[in-house]
Amino acid sequence: MGRKKFSEDTKLKCLLWSNRHCCVCDKSCGLDIEIAHIDPSGENDFANAIPVCFQHHARIGRYNKDHPRGNKYRIKELKKRREQIYEKYTRQLIPPLVYHLAPRQNDPVVVKKTFTLPRVRFIIENHGLFLPVRFKVKIRVYLGGNRLQFKGRLYYTGGITWHLNAGHTFFGNFNVPKECVDSAEKLIIEVQVTAIDQYDRPHDLLPTCFNYVRKEGKKEGYWFTEPTAWSELKEVRK
C-alpha cells in the first residue's frame, strides 16, 4: 500500500505561499515543483509539507550517518527556511497597519475626557491604497507586573477576525479589569496583531506594549508606547 499523499488544499496553499519557489534554494520552479515531507515519518499535513525543486526533493532526506560528509538538512532548519520563503512571497499582500491606544499625550482634550479608565480606545488604520486586510487582535493586561485575567470582547482576545478596507480607520474600545482604575501600580497593555493575507497566510506583527500615565490633578491620563514585548520589558524592570 502506497503512502498517503497531501490533500489538494495543502498542496494549493504550499504553491501559493511559495509562489512555486523551492523552499531550499529559492529557485523558481514553475511546473517542476514537488511537495515533500519535511519529516519522512511525519504526518501528511500542511505543517509537514515543503515545496521543493526536483534536486532538493532528492537531497533533503539523503544522508549517510555511517559516512558523514557535510551537514544534513535538519527538520528545524527546513521549517525555518520554508517560513522565510513563504514570507518573501506573501509579505507584499499585507498593507501597512498602524495601531495605538488612546488617549495619547497629544490627543485632543475631548478624547481624553471621553475615554478614561476602565475604557481604553483602540485605533487601527490601513495605510494601504488598494489591499484590504483581515486581522486578529490579542490584548494582555499587566498591573504591577502581574498579568490580569482579561475578559474582553472576542474582538480583543483573537476570537473574531476583523475586516479593514484600504484607507480605512477603525475606532474600537475595550474595558480593562476594575482593579486597574483605582490602583497606583503601573498599568501596561500588550497588543499582538496578526494580519491574514489574501492567501490565508497569517503574519504576526511584533507585539507592542503601551504604558499608562495616570491622571494627576487636572491633567488627564494618557498612553505612551513601549517599543518592545512584555517578555523583554519585564526583564528590564526587575
Protein backbone atom coordinates (compact mmCIF):
# COMPACT_ATOMS: atom_id res chain seq x y z
CA MET A 1 0.00 0.00 0.00
CA GLY A 2 1.47 3.35 -1.05
CA ARG A 3 1.96 6.29 1.22
CA LYS A 4 -0.93 8.74 1.53
CA LYS A 5 -0.47 11.95 -0.40
CA PHE A 6 -1.01 15.51 0.70
CA SER A 7 -4.50 16.87 0.21
CA GLU A 8 -5.25 19.23 -2.67
CA ASP A 9 -5.89 22.06 -0.18
CA THR A 10 -2.46 21.53 1.39
CA LYS A 11 -0.73 21.47 -1.99
CA LEU A 12 -2.57 24.59 -3.17
CA LYS A 13 -1.58 26.52 -0.05
CA CYS A 14 2.06 25.44 -0.39
CA LEU A 15 2.20 26.51 -4.03
CA LEU A 16 0.54 29.87 -3.41
CA TRP A 17 2.59 30.76 -0.34
CA SER A 18 5.89 29.86 -2.03
CA ASN A 19 4.92 31.32 -5.41
CA ARG A 20 6.17 27.97 -6.79
CA HIS A 21 9.70 28.55 -5.49
CA CYS A 22 11.84 25.85 -3.88
CA CYS A 23 11.96 26.39 -0.13
CA VAL A 24 15.60 25.27 0.00
CA CYS A 25 17.31 27.09 -2.88
CA ASP A 26 14.59 29.67 -3.75
CA LYS A 27 14.59 28.54 -7.38
CA SER A 28 11.53 29.43 -9.43
CA CYS A 29 10.24 26.02 -10.48
CA GLY A 30 7.06 26.56 -12.44
CA LEU A 31 5.67 23.09 -13.20
CA ASP A 32 8.85 21.40 -11.92
CA ILE A 33 7.98 21.60 -8.24
CA GLU A 34 7.01 18.92 -5.73
CA ILE A 35 5.54 18.90 -2.23
CA ALA A 36 7.85 16.89 0.02
CA HIS A 37 7.63 15.64 3.59
CA ILE A 38 9.92 17.54 5.95
CA ASP A 39 9.90 14.60 8.34
CA PRO A 40 9.68 11.38 6.29
CA SER A 41 7.99 9.64 9.22
CA GLY A 42 5.67 12.54 9.95
CA GLU A 43 2.08 13.30 9.06
CA ASN A 44 0.58 14.12 5.67
CA ASP A 45 -0.48 17.58 6.84
CA PHE A 46 0.42 21.16 5.99
CA ALA A 47 2.87 21.52 8.90
CA ASN A 48 4.99 18.70 7.46
CA ALA A 49 4.82 19.85 3.83
CA ILE A 50 7.51 21.79 1.97
CA PRO A 51 7.60 22.84 -1.72
CA VAL A 52 10.95 21.91 -3.30
CA CYS A 53 12.59 21.53 -6.69
CA PHE A 54 13.41 18.07 -8.06
CA GLN A 55 17.04 18.31 -6.97
CA HIS A 56 16.31 19.15 -3.35
CA HIS A 57 13.46 16.69 -3.04
CA ALA A 58 16.04 14.01 -3.70
CA ARG A 59 18.58 15.51 -1.28
CA ILE A 60 16.69 16.63 1.83
CA GLY A 61 16.24 13.09 3.13
CA ARG A 62 19.54 11.69 1.93
CA TYR A 63 22.38 11.41 4.43
CA ASN A 64 24.72 8.55 5.25
CA LYS A 65 25.25 8.64 9.01
CA ASP A 66 27.89 5.91 8.73
CA HIS A 67 30.00 8.09 6.44
CA PRO A 68 29.00 11.65 7.32
CA ARG A 69 30.13 14.33 4.92
CA GLY A 70 28.87 17.88 5.18
CA ASN A 71 25.68 18.68 7.13
CA LYS A 72 22.32 17.08 6.56
CA TYR A 73 19.13 19.12 6.20
CA ARG A 74 17.64 19.23 9.68
CA ILE A 75 13.88 19.35 10.30
CA LYS A 76 14.03 22.65 12.22
CA GLU A 77 16.25 24.15 9.53
CA LEU A 78 13.84 23.17 6.76
CA LYS A 79 10.86 24.60 8.63
CA LYS A 80 12.60 27.92 9.25
CA ARG A 81 13.79 28.10 5.65
CA ARG A 82 10.26 27.32 4.46
CA GLU A 83 8.83 30.18 6.55
CA GLN A 84 11.48 32.52 5.17
CA ILE A 85 10.43 31.70 1.60
CA TYR A 86 6.72 31.93 2.43
CA GLU A 87 7.27 35.35 3.96
CA LYS A 88 9.30 36.56 1.00
CA TYR A 89 6.49 35.81 -1.45
CA THR A 90 3.47 36.86 0.65
CA ARG A 91 4.56 39.92 2.65
CA GLN A 92 3.58 42.26 -0.19
CA LEU A 93 -0.03 41.09 0.34
CA ILE A 94 -0.18 42.83 3.74
CA PRO A 95 -0.76 46.61 3.64
CA PRO A 96 0.87 48.92 6.22
CA LEU A 97 -1.07 48.76 9.50
CA VAL A 98 -0.80 51.37 12.24
CA TYR A 99 -2.44 50.93 15.64
CA HIS A 100 -2.33 52.65 19.02
CA LEU A 101 -4.19 53.15 22.27
CA ALA A 102 -5.86 56.46 23.05
CA PRO A 103 -5.77 58.94 24.57
CA ARG A 104 -2.15 59.70 23.77
CA GLN A 105 -0.18 62.59 25.20
CA ASN A 106 -1.01 64.97 22.36
CA ASP A 107 -4.58 63.85 21.63
CA PRO A 108 -7.38 66.45 21.78
CA VAL A 109 -8.84 67.14 25.23
CA VAL A 110 -12.29 65.95 24.16
CA VAL A 111 -10.90 62.46 23.52
CA LYS A 112 -9.20 62.37 26.90
CA LYS A 113 -12.42 63.21 28.70
CA THR A 114 -14.45 60.66 26.76
CA PHE A 115 -12.14 57.66 27.18
CA THR A 116 -10.92 57.26 30.73
CA LEU A 117 -10.24 54.03 32.63
CA PRO A 118 -11.58 51.41 32.64
CA ARG A 119 -12.37 52.15 28.99
CA VAL A 120 -9.49 52.19 26.53
CA ARG A 121 -9.79 53.29 22.92
CA PHE A 122 -8.08 51.12 20.30
CA ILE A 123 -7.43 52.68 16.89
CA ILE A 124 -6.12 50.78 13.86
CA GLU A 125 -5.53 52.16 10.36
CA ASN A 126 -4.98 50.53 6.98
CA HIS A 127 -2.50 52.84 5.24
CA GLY A 128 -2.53 50.83 2.02
CA LEU A 129 -4.01 52.25 -1.17
CA PHE A 130 -5.55 49.08 -2.59
CA LEU A 131 -5.36 45.99 -0.39
CA PRO A 132 -7.97 45.16 2.25
CA VAL A 133 -6.76 43.19 5.24
CA ARG A 134 -8.10 40.73 7.77
CA PHE A 135 -6.52 40.53 11.19
CA LYS A 136 -6.91 39.37 14.78
CA VAL A 137 -6.10 41.29 17.96
CA LYS A 138 -4.99 39.87 21.31
CA ILE A 139 -4.82 42.09 24.40
CA ARG A 140 -2.88 41.23 27.57
CA VAL A 141 -3.19 43.41 30.68
CA TYR A 142 -0.44 43.72 33.31
CA LEU A 143 -0.84 45.58 36.60
CA GLY A 144 2.18 45.96 38.87
CA GLY A 145 4.00 43.33 36.85
CA ASN A 146 1.23 40.72 37.20
CA ARG A 147 -0.93 39.56 34.33
CA LEU A 148 -4.64 40.08 34.96
CA GLN A 149 -7.45 37.95 33.62
CA PHE A 150 -8.80 39.86 30.65
CA LYS A 151 -12.42 39.10 29.75
CA GLY A 152 -12.71 41.47 26.85
CA ARG A 153 -14.96 41.00 23.87
CA LEU A 154 -13.95 38.41 21.29
CA TYR A 155 -12.61 41.22 19.11
CA TYR A 156 -9.74 41.67 21.58
CA THR A 157 -9.00 38.06 22.50
CA GLY A 158 -8.29 36.77 18.99
CA GLY A 159 -11.72 35.18 18.70
CA ILE A 160 -13.02 37.27 15.79
CA THR A 161 -11.37 38.25 12.51
CA TRP A 162 -11.53 41.98 11.79
CA HIS A 163 -12.02 43.36 8.26
CA LEU A 164 -10.39 46.65 7.26
CA ASN A 165 -10.54 48.04 3.74
CA ALA A 166 -7.78 50.10 2.15
CA GLY A 167 -7.52 53.64 3.53
CA HIS A 168 -9.99 52.95 6.35
CA THR A 169 -9.60 53.52 10.09
CA PHE A 170 -11.42 51.63 12.81
CA PHE A 171 -12.12 53.16 16.21
CA GLY A 172 -12.79 50.47 18.81
CA ASN A 173 -12.68 50.24 22.58
CA PHE A 174 -12.47 47.74 25.42
CA ASN A 175 -12.55 47.79 29.22
CA VAL A 176 -9.65 46.78 31.43
CA PRO A 177 -10.34 44.96 34.75
CA LYS A 178 -11.80 47.17 37.51
CA GLU A 179 -8.74 46.92 39.74
CA CYS A 180 -6.79 48.95 37.16
CA VAL A 181 -8.89 52.06 37.84
CA ASP A 182 -8.02 52.91 41.44
CA SER A 183 -4.65 51.19 41.68
CA ALA A 184 -1.49 53.28 41.73
CA GLU A 185 0.55 50.42 40.28
CA LYS A 186 1.99 50.55 36.78
CA LEU A 187 -0.52 49.55 34.11
CA ILE A 188 0.81 48.09 30.86
CA ILE A 189 -1.13 46.60 27.95
CA GLU A 190 0.50 44.37 25.37
CA VAL A 191 -1.11 44.27 21.92
CA GLN A 192 -0.48 41.42 19.46
CA VAL A 193 -1.86 41.87 15.94
CA THR A 194 -1.86 39.02 13.41
CA ALA A 195 -2.63 40.06 9.83
CA ILE A 196 -4.04 37.50 7.39
CA ASP A 197 -3.32 37.91 3.69
CA GLN A 198 -5.46 37.02 0.68
CA TYR A 199 -3.91 33.53 0.55
CA ASP A 200 -4.90 32.95 4.20
CA ARG A 201 -1.34 33.14 5.49
CA PRO A 202 -1.04 34.72 8.97
CA HIS A 203 1.64 37.37 9.55
CA ASP A 204 2.42 38.08 13.21
CA LEU A 205 3.29 41.71 13.75
CA LEU A 206 5.79 42.29 16.55
CA PRO A 207 3.97 42.76 19.88
CA THR A 208 3.94 46.27 21.32
CA CYS A 209 3.39 47.44 24.90
CA PHE A 210 1.52 50.58 25.96
CA ASN A 211 2.27 52.19 29.32
CA TYR A 212 -0.42 54.21 31.09
CA VAL A 213 0.45 57.52 32.76
CA ARG A 214 -2.23 58.04 35.38
CA LYS A 215 -4.31 61.14 35.89
CA GLU A 216 -2.66 63.74 38.11
CA GLY A 217 -4.68 66.72 39.31
CA LYS A 218 -6.35 68.31 36.30
CA LYS A 219 -4.04 66.51 33.92
CA GLU A 220 -5.82 63.58 32.28
CA GLY A 221 -4.20 60.17 31.96
CA TYR A 222 -2.71 59.03 28.66
CA TRP A 223 -0.85 56.16 26.96
CA PHE A 224 2.64 56.04 25.52
CA THR A 225 4.29 53.28 23.50
CA GLU A 226 6.92 50.90 24.82
CA PRO A 227 8.67 49.60 21.66
CA THR A 228 9.06 46.03 22.87
CA ALA A 229 7.18 42.95 24.07
CA TRP A 230 6.23 42.31 27.69
CA SER A 231 8.58 39.30 27.85
CA GLU A 232 11.53 41.66 27.35
CA LEU A 233 10.11 44.63 29.21
CA LYS A 234 9.62 42.69 32.45
CA GLU A 235 13.31 41.70 32.45
CA VAL A 236 14.37 45.34 32.22
CA ARG A 237 12.01 46.33 35.08
CA LYS A 238 13.26 43.73 37.55
